[in-house]
Amino acid sequence: MKMLAFACAAALFGLQGCATPASELPKMYEITDTAYRLGAGDEVRITVYGMDQMTNTYVVGDGGTISLPLLETMPVEGKTPAEVEKAIADAILAKQLVLQPSVSAQVQKYRPFYILGEVQKPGQYPYAPGLSVTSAVSIAGGFTFRADKTQFAIQRKSGQKMVKGQVGPDAPVLPGDTVTVYESWF
C-alpha cells in the first residue's frame, strides 16, 4: 500500500511540468514590426501590369513559396507584400521579360488562427484584421465556466522559430497564432 501511494505521489509530481500555466510564461511584448508577413496558407493576389498570364491569385504553399508562370518558384514566407512585389519585379528584370515591371501584391485571404483551452468551441477560425484575444474568444463561442479570463498565451512564429508568451485580453492576434485560454484555479 505504501508503495502504491509513493508511486502515485511520484507520478503527480512528474506531471506538474506538463501543463504550463500562463503566469509561468514570459510576457509577450507588443510586436514593433507591424507590417504583415506572408506565411503558408495565405492567398495573395499578384498583378503584373502588361503581363496578364502572371496576374492571378496564388496560395502560399507549405514550403513558403508561390509558383509564377515564366518565373521560377519564389520564396515569399516571412516577406511583406511590398518585399514580394520587389522580388517579382527583380525576377522579371533579370529574365528581361519587361523593361520596367510594375507589380502589385495584395493579401486576399489570411491564414487562420487557432484557439485552444477553456472556450466553448476550440478550433481553427478565419482571421480578420484587428483581431484581439477577447474577440477571438468571442468567435470561439465565449469562455467556459472554468476559464481564466485575465491571462492567456499566444504561440506565434517569429522568423524561423516558434515563440510562446503570456498576453492580456487586449493583445493582438495575428494569422497563424495559437491562442490558449487557461483554466482558472479559483
N, C-alpha and C. Protein backbone atom coordinates (compact mmCIF):
# COMPACT_ATOMS: atom_id res chain seq x y z
N MET A 1 0.83 -1.20 0.00
CA MET A 1 0.00 0.00 0.00
C MET A 1 0.87 1.25 0.00
N LYS A 2 1.95 1.22 0.83
CA LYS A 2 2.83 2.38 0.87
C LYS A 2 3.51 2.58 -0.49
N MET A 3 3.82 1.47 -1.14
CA MET A 3 4.48 1.55 -2.45
C MET A 3 3.55 2.19 -3.48
N LEU A 4 2.27 1.86 -3.43
CA LEU A 4 1.28 2.43 -4.35
C LEU A 4 1.13 3.93 -4.11
N ALA A 5 1.06 4.33 -2.84
CA ALA A 5 0.95 5.75 -2.51
C ALA A 5 2.17 6.51 -2.99
N PHE A 6 3.36 5.92 -2.82
CA PHE A 6 4.59 6.56 -3.27
C PHE A 6 4.59 6.70 -4.79
N ALA A 7 4.15 5.66 -5.50
CA ALA A 7 4.11 5.69 -6.96
C ALA A 7 3.14 6.76 -7.46
N CYS A 8 1.98 6.88 -6.82
CA CYS A 8 1.01 7.91 -7.21
C CYS A 8 1.56 9.31 -6.97
N ALA A 9 2.21 9.51 -5.82
CA ALA A 9 2.79 10.81 -5.50
C ALA A 9 3.89 11.16 -6.50
N ALA A 10 4.71 10.19 -6.86
CA ALA A 10 5.78 10.43 -7.82
C ALA A 10 5.20 10.77 -9.19
N ALA A 11 4.14 10.10 -9.59
CA ALA A 11 3.51 10.37 -10.88
C ALA A 11 2.92 11.77 -10.92
N LEU A 12 2.24 12.18 -9.85
CA LEU A 12 1.67 13.52 -9.79
C LEU A 12 2.75 14.59 -9.81
N PHE A 13 3.85 14.34 -9.10
CA PHE A 13 4.96 15.28 -9.09
C PHE A 13 5.55 15.41 -10.49
N GLY A 14 5.67 14.31 -11.19
CA GLY A 14 6.21 14.30 -12.54
C GLY A 14 5.32 15.02 -13.53
N LEU A 15 4.01 14.98 -13.32
CA LEU A 15 3.07 15.61 -14.24
C LEU A 15 2.95 17.12 -14.04
N GLN A 16 3.52 17.64 -12.95
CA GLN A 16 3.42 19.08 -12.69
C GLN A 16 3.98 19.91 -13.83
N GLY A 17 5.04 19.45 -14.45
CA GLY A 17 5.67 20.21 -15.52
C GLY A 17 4.97 20.09 -16.86
N CYS A 18 3.98 19.22 -16.97
CA CYS A 18 3.33 19.00 -18.27
C CYS A 18 2.43 20.15 -18.67
N ALA A 19 1.77 20.78 -17.75
CA ALA A 19 0.90 21.91 -18.06
C ALA A 19 1.57 23.18 -17.58
N THR A 20 1.75 24.13 -18.49
CA THR A 20 2.39 25.38 -18.14
C THR A 20 1.32 26.46 -18.02
N PRO A 21 1.01 26.91 -16.79
CA PRO A 21 0.04 27.99 -16.67
C PRO A 21 0.61 29.27 -17.27
N ALA A 22 -0.26 30.15 -17.71
CA ALA A 22 0.17 31.38 -18.36
C ALA A 22 1.09 32.20 -17.48
N SER A 23 0.89 32.18 -16.16
CA SER A 23 1.70 33.00 -15.26
C SER A 23 3.16 32.59 -15.27
N GLU A 24 3.48 31.36 -15.70
CA GLU A 24 4.87 30.91 -15.74
C GLU A 24 5.55 31.21 -17.07
N LEU A 25 4.80 31.69 -18.06
CA LEU A 25 5.37 32.01 -19.36
C LEU A 25 5.93 33.42 -19.34
N PRO A 26 6.95 33.69 -20.17
CA PRO A 26 7.42 35.07 -20.28
C PRO A 26 6.36 35.92 -20.96
N LYS A 27 6.33 37.21 -20.62
CA LYS A 27 5.35 38.10 -21.24
C LYS A 27 5.74 38.34 -22.70
N MET A 28 4.75 38.27 -23.57
CA MET A 28 4.99 38.54 -24.99
C MET A 28 4.69 40.02 -25.20
N TYR A 29 5.73 40.78 -25.51
CA TYR A 29 5.57 42.21 -25.67
C TYR A 29 5.04 42.55 -27.05
N GLU A 30 4.53 43.74 -27.17
CA GLU A 30 3.98 44.18 -28.44
C GLU A 30 5.03 44.04 -29.54
N ILE A 31 4.60 43.63 -30.68
CA ILE A 31 5.50 43.46 -31.81
C ILE A 31 5.73 44.83 -32.43
N THR A 32 7.02 45.18 -32.60
CA THR A 32 7.33 46.50 -33.15
C THR A 32 7.17 46.51 -34.66
N ASP A 33 7.39 45.37 -35.32
CA ASP A 33 7.22 45.28 -36.76
C ASP A 33 5.74 45.01 -37.05
N THR A 34 5.03 46.04 -37.47
CA THR A 34 3.59 45.89 -37.69
C THR A 34 3.25 45.47 -39.11
N ALA A 35 4.25 45.42 -39.99
CA ALA A 35 3.99 45.01 -41.38
C ALA A 35 3.61 43.54 -41.41
N TYR A 36 2.58 43.23 -42.19
CA TYR A 36 2.13 41.84 -42.28
C TYR A 36 3.13 41.03 -43.09
N ARG A 37 3.47 39.85 -42.58
CA ARG A 37 4.41 38.96 -43.26
C ARG A 37 3.68 37.71 -43.71
N LEU A 38 3.90 37.32 -44.93
CA LEU A 38 3.20 36.18 -45.53
C LEU A 38 3.65 34.86 -44.92
N GLY A 39 2.74 33.90 -44.94
CA GLY A 39 3.03 32.56 -44.45
C GLY A 39 2.20 31.53 -45.21
N ALA A 40 2.51 30.27 -44.98
CA ALA A 40 1.81 29.17 -45.66
C ALA A 40 0.31 29.28 -45.42
N GLY A 41 -0.47 29.18 -46.49
CA GLY A 41 -1.92 29.25 -46.40
C GLY A 41 -2.49 30.60 -46.80
N ASP A 42 -1.67 31.64 -46.84
CA ASP A 42 -2.17 32.95 -47.29
C ASP A 42 -2.47 32.90 -48.78
N GLU A 43 -3.50 33.63 -49.19
CA GLU A 43 -3.80 33.81 -50.61
C GLU A 43 -3.39 35.23 -50.99
N VAL A 44 -2.57 35.34 -52.03
CA VAL A 44 -2.03 36.63 -52.44
C VAL A 44 -2.42 36.90 -53.89
N ARG A 45 -2.97 38.08 -54.13
CA ARG A 45 -3.31 38.50 -55.49
C ARG A 45 -2.10 39.24 -56.06
N ILE A 46 -1.49 38.66 -57.09
CA ILE A 46 -0.34 39.27 -57.76
C ILE A 46 -0.83 39.84 -59.08
N THR A 47 -0.58 41.12 -59.30
CA THR A 47 -0.92 41.77 -60.55
C THR A 47 0.37 42.28 -61.18
N VAL A 48 0.66 41.82 -62.38
CA VAL A 48 1.82 42.29 -63.13
C VAL A 48 1.26 43.02 -64.35
N TYR A 49 1.35 44.34 -64.33
CA TYR A 49 0.75 45.15 -65.39
C TYR A 49 1.47 44.88 -66.71
N GLY A 50 0.66 44.59 -67.75
CA GLY A 50 1.20 44.28 -69.06
C GLY A 50 1.55 42.82 -69.26
N MET A 51 1.38 41.99 -68.22
CA MET A 51 1.67 40.56 -68.32
C MET A 51 0.50 39.79 -67.71
N ASP A 52 -0.58 39.71 -68.46
CA ASP A 52 -1.81 39.09 -67.94
C ASP A 52 -1.62 37.63 -67.53
N GLN A 53 -0.71 36.90 -68.17
CA GLN A 53 -0.51 35.50 -67.83
C GLN A 53 0.06 35.31 -66.42
N MET A 54 0.64 36.36 -65.84
CA MET A 54 1.18 36.26 -64.48
C MET A 54 0.21 36.79 -63.43
N THR A 55 -0.79 37.54 -63.85
CA THR A 55 -1.76 38.11 -62.92
C THR A 55 -2.74 37.03 -62.48
N ASN A 56 -2.75 36.77 -61.17
CA ASN A 56 -3.59 35.70 -60.63
C ASN A 56 -3.55 35.75 -59.11
N THR A 57 -4.37 34.91 -58.47
CA THR A 57 -4.32 34.73 -57.02
C THR A 57 -3.55 33.45 -56.75
N TYR A 58 -2.56 33.54 -55.88
CA TYR A 58 -1.69 32.42 -55.56
C TYR A 58 -1.80 32.09 -54.08
N VAL A 59 -1.74 30.80 -53.76
CA VAL A 59 -1.73 30.34 -52.37
C VAL A 59 -0.29 30.03 -51.99
N VAL A 60 0.15 30.58 -50.87
CA VAL A 60 1.50 30.29 -50.38
C VAL A 60 1.50 28.85 -49.89
N GLY A 61 2.36 28.03 -50.47
CA GLY A 61 2.43 26.61 -50.14
C GLY A 61 3.08 26.34 -48.80
N ASP A 62 3.06 25.07 -48.39
CA ASP A 62 3.66 24.68 -47.11
C ASP A 62 5.14 25.02 -47.04
N GLY A 63 5.80 25.03 -48.18
CA GLY A 63 7.22 25.38 -48.22
C GLY A 63 7.47 26.87 -48.23
N GLY A 64 6.40 27.68 -48.17
CA GLY A 64 6.55 29.13 -48.14
C GLY A 64 6.80 29.75 -49.50
N THR A 65 6.40 29.06 -50.57
CA THR A 65 6.67 29.56 -51.92
C THR A 65 5.39 29.70 -52.73
N ILE A 66 5.50 30.46 -53.82
CA ILE A 66 4.46 30.52 -54.84
C ILE A 66 5.12 30.24 -56.19
N SER A 67 4.35 29.69 -57.11
CA SER A 67 4.87 29.39 -58.45
C SER A 67 4.22 30.31 -59.46
N LEU A 68 5.03 31.12 -60.10
CA LEU A 68 4.54 32.07 -61.10
C LEU A 68 4.90 31.60 -62.50
N PRO A 69 3.98 31.74 -63.47
CA PRO A 69 4.34 31.39 -64.84
C PRO A 69 5.48 32.29 -65.33
N LEU A 70 6.35 31.74 -66.13
CA LEU A 70 7.51 32.43 -66.72
C LEU A 70 8.63 32.70 -65.71
N LEU A 71 8.38 32.46 -64.44
CA LEU A 71 9.41 32.64 -63.40
C LEU A 71 9.53 31.35 -62.60
N GLU A 72 10.60 31.25 -61.88
CA GLU A 72 10.78 30.08 -61.03
C GLU A 72 9.89 30.18 -59.79
N THR A 73 9.90 29.12 -59.01
CA THR A 73 9.19 29.15 -57.74
C THR A 73 9.88 30.18 -56.85
N MET A 74 9.08 31.05 -56.24
CA MET A 74 9.65 32.14 -55.45
C MET A 74 9.34 31.96 -53.97
N PRO A 75 10.35 32.09 -53.10
CA PRO A 75 10.09 32.06 -51.66
C PRO A 75 9.46 33.38 -51.22
N VAL A 76 8.33 33.29 -50.52
CA VAL A 76 7.64 34.51 -50.06
C VAL A 76 7.37 34.49 -48.56
N GLU A 77 7.55 33.35 -47.90
CA GLU A 77 7.26 33.26 -46.47
C GLU A 77 8.15 34.23 -45.69
N GLY A 78 7.53 34.98 -44.78
CA GLY A 78 8.27 35.93 -43.96
C GLY A 78 8.48 37.28 -44.63
N LYS A 79 8.02 37.43 -45.87
CA LYS A 79 8.17 38.69 -46.58
C LYS A 79 6.88 39.49 -46.52
N THR A 80 7.01 40.80 -46.57
CA THR A 80 5.84 41.67 -46.65
C THR A 80 5.36 41.68 -48.11
N PRO A 81 4.11 42.08 -48.35
CA PRO A 81 3.67 42.20 -49.75
C PRO A 81 4.57 43.13 -50.57
N ALA A 82 5.07 44.21 -49.98
CA ALA A 82 5.97 45.12 -50.70
C ALA A 82 7.27 44.41 -51.08
N GLU A 83 7.79 43.57 -50.19
CA GLU A 83 9.01 42.82 -50.49
C GLU A 83 8.76 41.80 -51.61
N VAL A 84 7.57 41.21 -51.63
CA VAL A 84 7.21 40.27 -52.69
C VAL A 84 7.12 41.00 -54.03
N GLU A 85 6.51 42.19 -54.02
CA GLU A 85 6.43 43.00 -55.24
C GLU A 85 7.82 43.24 -55.83
N LYS A 86 8.75 43.65 -54.95
CA LYS A 86 10.12 43.93 -55.40
C LYS A 86 10.81 42.68 -55.91
N ALA A 87 10.65 41.55 -55.21
CA ALA A 87 11.29 40.30 -55.63
C ALA A 87 10.78 39.85 -57.01
N ILE A 88 9.48 39.99 -57.24
CA ILE A 88 8.92 39.60 -58.54
C ILE A 88 9.42 40.56 -59.64
N ALA A 89 9.41 41.85 -59.34
CA ALA A 89 9.89 42.83 -60.32
C ALA A 89 11.36 42.56 -60.66
N ASP A 90 12.18 42.26 -59.65
CA ASP A 90 13.59 41.95 -59.89
C ASP A 90 13.76 40.70 -60.75
N ALA A 91 12.93 39.68 -60.49
CA ALA A 91 13.00 38.43 -61.28
C ALA A 91 12.58 38.68 -62.73
N ILE A 92 11.58 39.53 -62.93
CA ILE A 92 11.14 39.87 -64.30
C ILE A 92 12.25 40.62 -65.03
N LEU A 93 12.90 41.55 -64.33
CA LEU A 93 14.02 42.29 -64.92
C LEU A 93 15.18 41.36 -65.26
N ALA A 94 15.49 40.44 -64.36
CA ALA A 94 16.60 39.51 -64.57
C ALA A 94 16.37 38.63 -65.80
N LYS A 95 15.13 38.27 -66.05
CA LYS A 95 14.81 37.44 -67.23
C LYS A 95 14.53 38.30 -68.47
N GLN A 96 14.59 39.62 -68.29
CA GLN A 96 14.38 40.58 -69.38
C GLN A 96 13.03 40.38 -70.06
N LEU A 97 12.00 40.13 -69.25
CA LEU A 97 10.65 39.95 -69.79
C LEU A 97 9.98 41.29 -70.06
N VAL A 98 10.27 42.27 -69.21
CA VAL A 98 9.72 43.63 -69.33
C VAL A 98 10.81 44.58 -68.85
N LEU A 99 10.90 45.76 -69.48
CA LEU A 99 11.94 46.72 -69.10
C LEU A 99 11.65 47.43 -67.78
N GLN A 100 10.40 47.78 -67.56
CA GLN A 100 10.02 48.47 -66.32
C GLN A 100 8.80 47.78 -65.73
N PRO A 101 9.01 46.67 -65.02
CA PRO A 101 7.85 45.93 -64.48
C PRO A 101 7.15 46.71 -63.36
N SER A 102 5.84 46.63 -63.38
CA SER A 102 5.02 47.21 -62.32
C SER A 102 4.22 46.07 -61.70
N VAL A 103 4.50 45.80 -60.42
CA VAL A 103 3.92 44.63 -59.75
C VAL A 103 3.16 45.08 -58.51
N SER A 104 2.03 44.45 -58.29
CA SER A 104 1.23 44.69 -57.08
C SER A 104 0.97 43.36 -56.39
N ALA A 105 1.09 43.33 -55.06
CA ALA A 105 0.79 42.12 -54.28
C ALA A 105 -0.13 42.51 -53.13
N GLN A 106 -1.28 41.87 -53.06
CA GLN A 106 -2.26 42.15 -52.00
C GLN A 106 -2.73 40.85 -51.38
N VAL A 107 -2.83 40.84 -50.06
CA VAL A 107 -3.33 39.65 -49.37
C VAL A 107 -4.84 39.59 -49.58
N GLN A 108 -5.31 38.50 -50.18
CA GLN A 108 -6.74 38.30 -50.41
C GLN A 108 -7.39 37.56 -49.25
N LYS A 109 -6.68 36.59 -48.71
CA LYS A 109 -7.22 35.78 -47.62
C LYS A 109 -6.06 35.39 -46.71
N TYR A 110 -6.24 35.68 -45.41
CA TYR A 110 -5.20 35.39 -44.43
C TYR A 110 -5.29 33.94 -43.97
N ARG A 111 -4.17 33.41 -43.51
CA ARG A 111 -4.19 32.06 -42.92
C ARG A 111 -4.98 32.12 -41.62
N PRO A 112 -5.53 31.00 -41.16
CA PRO A 112 -6.39 31.02 -39.97
C PRO A 112 -5.59 31.18 -38.68
N PHE A 113 -6.31 31.47 -37.60
CA PHE A 113 -5.73 31.41 -36.26
C PHE A 113 -6.39 30.24 -35.54
N TYR A 114 -5.81 29.84 -34.43
CA TYR A 114 -6.30 28.69 -33.67
C TYR A 114 -6.53 29.12 -32.23
N ILE A 115 -7.55 28.54 -31.60
CA ILE A 115 -7.80 28.84 -30.19
C ILE A 115 -8.08 27.53 -29.47
N LEU A 116 -7.40 27.35 -28.34
CA LEU A 116 -7.47 26.12 -27.55
C LEU A 116 -7.81 26.42 -26.11
N GLY A 117 -8.18 25.41 -25.38
CA GLY A 117 -8.38 25.54 -23.94
C GLY A 117 -9.82 25.80 -23.57
N GLU A 118 -10.00 26.68 -22.61
CA GLU A 118 -11.29 26.89 -21.96
C GLU A 118 -12.19 27.86 -22.72
N VAL A 119 -12.53 27.47 -23.96
CA VAL A 119 -13.53 28.18 -24.75
C VAL A 119 -14.59 27.16 -25.17
N GLN A 120 -15.76 27.66 -25.54
CA GLN A 120 -16.87 26.76 -25.89
C GLN A 120 -16.56 25.91 -27.12
N LYS A 121 -15.92 26.51 -28.13
CA LYS A 121 -15.66 25.78 -29.38
C LYS A 121 -14.21 25.97 -29.82
N PRO A 122 -13.28 25.24 -29.19
CA PRO A 122 -11.89 25.37 -29.62
C PRO A 122 -11.73 24.91 -31.07
N GLY A 123 -10.78 25.50 -31.77
CA GLY A 123 -10.56 25.08 -33.15
C GLY A 123 -9.87 26.13 -34.00
N GLN A 124 -10.02 25.98 -35.30
CA GLN A 124 -9.42 26.85 -36.30
C GLN A 124 -10.49 27.82 -36.80
N TYR A 125 -10.13 29.11 -36.90
CA TYR A 125 -11.07 30.13 -37.36
C TYR A 125 -10.41 31.06 -38.36
N PRO A 126 -11.21 31.63 -39.28
CA PRO A 126 -10.64 32.58 -40.24
C PRO A 126 -10.19 33.85 -39.53
N TYR A 127 -9.08 34.39 -39.98
CA TYR A 127 -8.54 35.61 -39.41
C TYR A 127 -9.20 36.83 -40.04
N ALA A 128 -9.38 37.87 -39.24
CA ALA A 128 -9.83 39.17 -39.73
C ALA A 128 -8.91 40.22 -39.12
N PRO A 129 -8.48 41.22 -39.89
CA PRO A 129 -7.59 42.24 -39.35
C PRO A 129 -8.19 42.92 -38.12
N GLY A 130 -7.33 43.25 -37.16
CA GLY A 130 -7.76 43.91 -35.94
C GLY A 130 -8.22 42.97 -34.84
N LEU A 131 -7.99 41.69 -34.99
CA LEU A 131 -8.45 40.68 -34.03
C LEU A 131 -7.66 40.77 -32.72
N SER A 132 -8.36 40.73 -31.60
CA SER A 132 -7.72 40.68 -30.28
C SER A 132 -8.05 39.34 -29.62
N VAL A 133 -7.41 39.07 -28.48
CA VAL A 133 -7.69 37.83 -27.76
C VAL A 133 -9.17 37.78 -27.37
N THR A 134 -9.71 38.89 -26.89
CA THR A 134 -11.12 38.93 -26.48
C THR A 134 -12.05 38.61 -27.64
N SER A 135 -11.78 39.20 -28.81
CA SER A 135 -12.65 38.92 -29.96
C SER A 135 -12.45 37.49 -30.46
N ALA A 136 -11.25 36.94 -30.34
CA ALA A 136 -11.01 35.54 -30.72
C ALA A 136 -11.82 34.60 -29.83
N VAL A 137 -11.86 34.90 -28.52
CA VAL A 137 -12.66 34.10 -27.59
C VAL A 137 -14.13 34.18 -27.96
N SER A 138 -14.58 35.37 -28.33
CA SER A 138 -15.98 35.55 -28.72
C SER A 138 -16.31 34.72 -29.96
N ILE A 139 -15.41 34.71 -30.94
CA ILE A 139 -15.62 33.92 -32.15
C ILE A 139 -15.72 32.44 -31.81
N ALA A 140 -14.97 32.01 -30.79
CA ALA A 140 -14.97 30.60 -30.38
C ALA A 140 -16.10 30.27 -29.40
N GLY A 141 -17.11 31.12 -29.33
CA GLY A 141 -18.29 30.82 -28.52
C GLY A 141 -18.23 31.30 -27.09
N GLY A 142 -17.18 32.02 -26.70
CA GLY A 142 -17.06 32.53 -25.34
C GLY A 142 -16.31 31.58 -24.43
N PHE A 143 -16.15 32.02 -23.18
CA PHE A 143 -15.42 31.24 -22.18
C PHE A 143 -16.25 30.08 -21.65
N THR A 144 -15.58 29.05 -21.15
CA THR A 144 -16.26 28.04 -20.35
C THR A 144 -16.32 28.59 -18.92
N PHE A 145 -17.06 27.94 -18.05
CA PHE A 145 -17.17 28.44 -16.68
C PHE A 145 -15.85 28.31 -15.92
N ARG A 146 -14.93 27.48 -16.40
CA ARG A 146 -13.65 27.27 -15.71
C ARG A 146 -12.56 28.22 -16.19
N ALA A 147 -12.81 29.04 -17.18
CA ALA A 147 -11.76 29.83 -17.85
C ALA A 147 -11.18 30.92 -16.95
N ASP A 148 -9.87 31.12 -17.08
CA ASP A 148 -9.19 32.27 -16.50
C ASP A 148 -9.37 33.39 -17.52
N LYS A 149 -10.09 34.43 -17.14
CA LYS A 149 -10.45 35.49 -18.09
C LYS A 149 -9.44 36.63 -18.13
N THR A 150 -8.30 36.46 -17.47
CA THR A 150 -7.32 37.54 -17.41
C THR A 150 -5.97 37.20 -18.02
N GLN A 151 -5.60 35.92 -18.05
CA GLN A 151 -4.29 35.53 -18.56
C GLN A 151 -4.44 34.51 -19.68
N PHE A 152 -3.71 34.77 -20.75
CA PHE A 152 -3.77 33.91 -21.93
C PHE A 152 -2.35 33.71 -22.44
N ALA A 153 -2.20 32.80 -23.36
CA ALA A 153 -0.91 32.61 -24.02
C ALA A 153 -1.12 32.61 -25.52
N ILE A 154 -0.12 33.13 -26.21
CA ILE A 154 -0.12 33.09 -27.67
C ILE A 154 1.17 32.42 -28.12
N GLN A 155 1.02 31.48 -29.05
CA GLN A 155 2.17 30.87 -29.70
C GLN A 155 2.21 31.43 -31.11
N ARG A 156 3.38 31.95 -31.50
CA ARG A 156 3.49 32.66 -32.78
C ARG A 156 4.83 32.35 -33.43
N LYS A 157 4.83 32.27 -34.74
CA LYS A 157 6.08 32.07 -35.47
C LYS A 157 6.77 33.42 -35.58
N SER A 158 8.03 33.45 -35.17
CA SER A 158 8.84 34.67 -35.25
C SER A 158 10.12 34.30 -35.99
N GLY A 159 10.23 34.72 -37.23
CA GLY A 159 11.38 34.30 -38.04
C GLY A 159 11.25 32.81 -38.33
N GLN A 160 12.26 32.06 -37.95
CA GLN A 160 12.25 30.62 -38.19
C GLN A 160 11.89 29.81 -36.95
N LYS A 161 11.54 30.48 -35.83
CA LYS A 161 11.23 29.72 -34.62
C LYS A 161 9.85 30.10 -34.08
N MET A 162 9.33 29.21 -33.25
CA MET A 162 8.04 29.45 -32.59
C MET A 162 8.33 30.04 -31.21
N VAL A 163 7.60 31.09 -30.84
CA VAL A 163 7.71 31.67 -29.51
C VAL A 163 6.35 31.60 -28.84
N LYS A 164 6.37 31.46 -27.52
CA LYS A 164 5.12 31.41 -26.76
C LYS A 164 5.27 32.36 -25.59
N GLY A 165 4.24 33.16 -25.36
CA GLY A 165 4.31 34.12 -24.28
C GLY A 165 2.95 34.44 -23.70
N GLN A 166 2.98 35.03 -22.51
CA GLN A 166 1.77 35.44 -21.79
C GLN A 166 1.28 36.76 -22.35
N VAL A 167 -0.03 36.87 -22.53
CA VAL A 167 -0.64 38.11 -23.04
C VAL A 167 -1.91 38.41 -22.25
N GLY A 168 -2.38 39.63 -22.39
CA GLY A 168 -3.64 40.04 -21.77
C GLY A 168 -4.79 39.94 -22.76
N PRO A 169 -6.00 40.29 -22.33
CA PRO A 169 -7.18 40.14 -23.18
C PRO A 169 -7.21 41.07 -24.39
N ASP A 170 -6.47 42.17 -24.36
CA ASP A 170 -6.48 43.11 -25.48
C ASP A 170 -5.33 42.90 -26.46
N ALA A 171 -4.53 41.87 -26.25
CA ALA A 171 -3.37 41.61 -27.12
C ALA A 171 -3.84 41.28 -28.53
N PRO A 172 -3.09 41.73 -29.54
CA PRO A 172 -3.47 41.41 -30.92
C PRO A 172 -3.22 39.95 -31.25
N VAL A 173 -4.10 39.38 -32.05
CA VAL A 173 -3.94 38.03 -32.58
C VAL A 173 -3.61 38.19 -34.06
N LEU A 174 -2.59 37.46 -34.51
CA LEU A 174 -2.17 37.53 -35.90
C LEU A 174 -2.48 36.23 -36.62
N PRO A 175 -2.52 36.23 -37.94
CA PRO A 175 -2.75 34.99 -38.67
C PRO A 175 -1.71 33.93 -38.30
N GLY A 176 -2.17 32.71 -38.11
CA GLY A 176 -1.27 31.62 -37.75
C GLY A 176 -1.04 31.47 -36.26
N ASP A 177 -1.49 32.44 -35.45
CA ASP A 177 -1.31 32.36 -34.00
C ASP A 177 -2.14 31.23 -33.41
N THR A 178 -1.66 30.69 -32.29
CA THR A 178 -2.44 29.76 -31.48
C THR A 178 -2.66 30.42 -30.13
N VAL A 179 -3.91 30.70 -29.80
CA VAL A 179 -4.28 31.32 -28.53
C VAL A 179 -4.70 30.21 -27.57
N THR A 180 -4.17 30.25 -26.34
CA THR A 180 -4.56 29.28 -25.33
C THR A 180 -5.25 30.01 -24.18
N VAL A 181 -6.45 29.55 -23.83
CA VAL A 181 -7.20 30.08 -22.69
C VAL A 181 -7.06 29.05 -21.58
N TYR A 182 -6.46 29.48 -20.47
CA TYR A 182 -6.18 28.54 -19.38
C TYR A 182 -7.36 28.40 -18.42
N GLU A 183 -7.30 27.36 -17.63
CA GLU A 183 -8.30 27.09 -16.60
C GLU A 183 -7.97 27.93 -15.38
N SER A 184 -8.99 28.51 -14.77
CA SER A 184 -8.81 29.27 -13.54
C SER A 184 -8.74 28.31 -12.37
N TRP A 185 -7.86 28.61 -11.44
CA TRP A 185 -7.71 27.74 -10.27
C TRP A 185 -8.69 28.12 -9.18
N PHE A 186 -9.32 29.30 -9.30
CA PHE A 186 -10.27 29.74 -8.27
C PHE A 186 -11.53 30.27 -8.90
